[in-house]
Amino acid sequence: MPLAWSPDPGGGMRFNGSLEELQALVAQLGQPGHWVHQGAFEMYVLDDEETNIRLNWWPRSGDLRLVGDPAQRVDLEAALKALLP
């Protein structure tokens, strides 16, 4: 299945690929972190004591959301959008 990204009308992002494909994209951001399975969604937690940024992804819907301090996530969100096909 090809990687798929589409804008979310609610202002978020969507990713309809596999977890492995998303993990590969997130690795390209160069932000150390780890993945955690949270039931209905997957979460990437940045391993940075200075931030509370998390990337949440719901595989069934494709919803992809960066959460945490808005000032800290602006650059990361732009970089992620640039990587998403």
Foldseek 3Di string as FASTA:
>chain_A
DDWDKDADPVRFIFTADDPVVVVVLLVVLVFDFDWDDDPQWIKTAGPDPVWGWIWIAGNVGRTIDIDGDPVVCPVVVVSSVVSGD
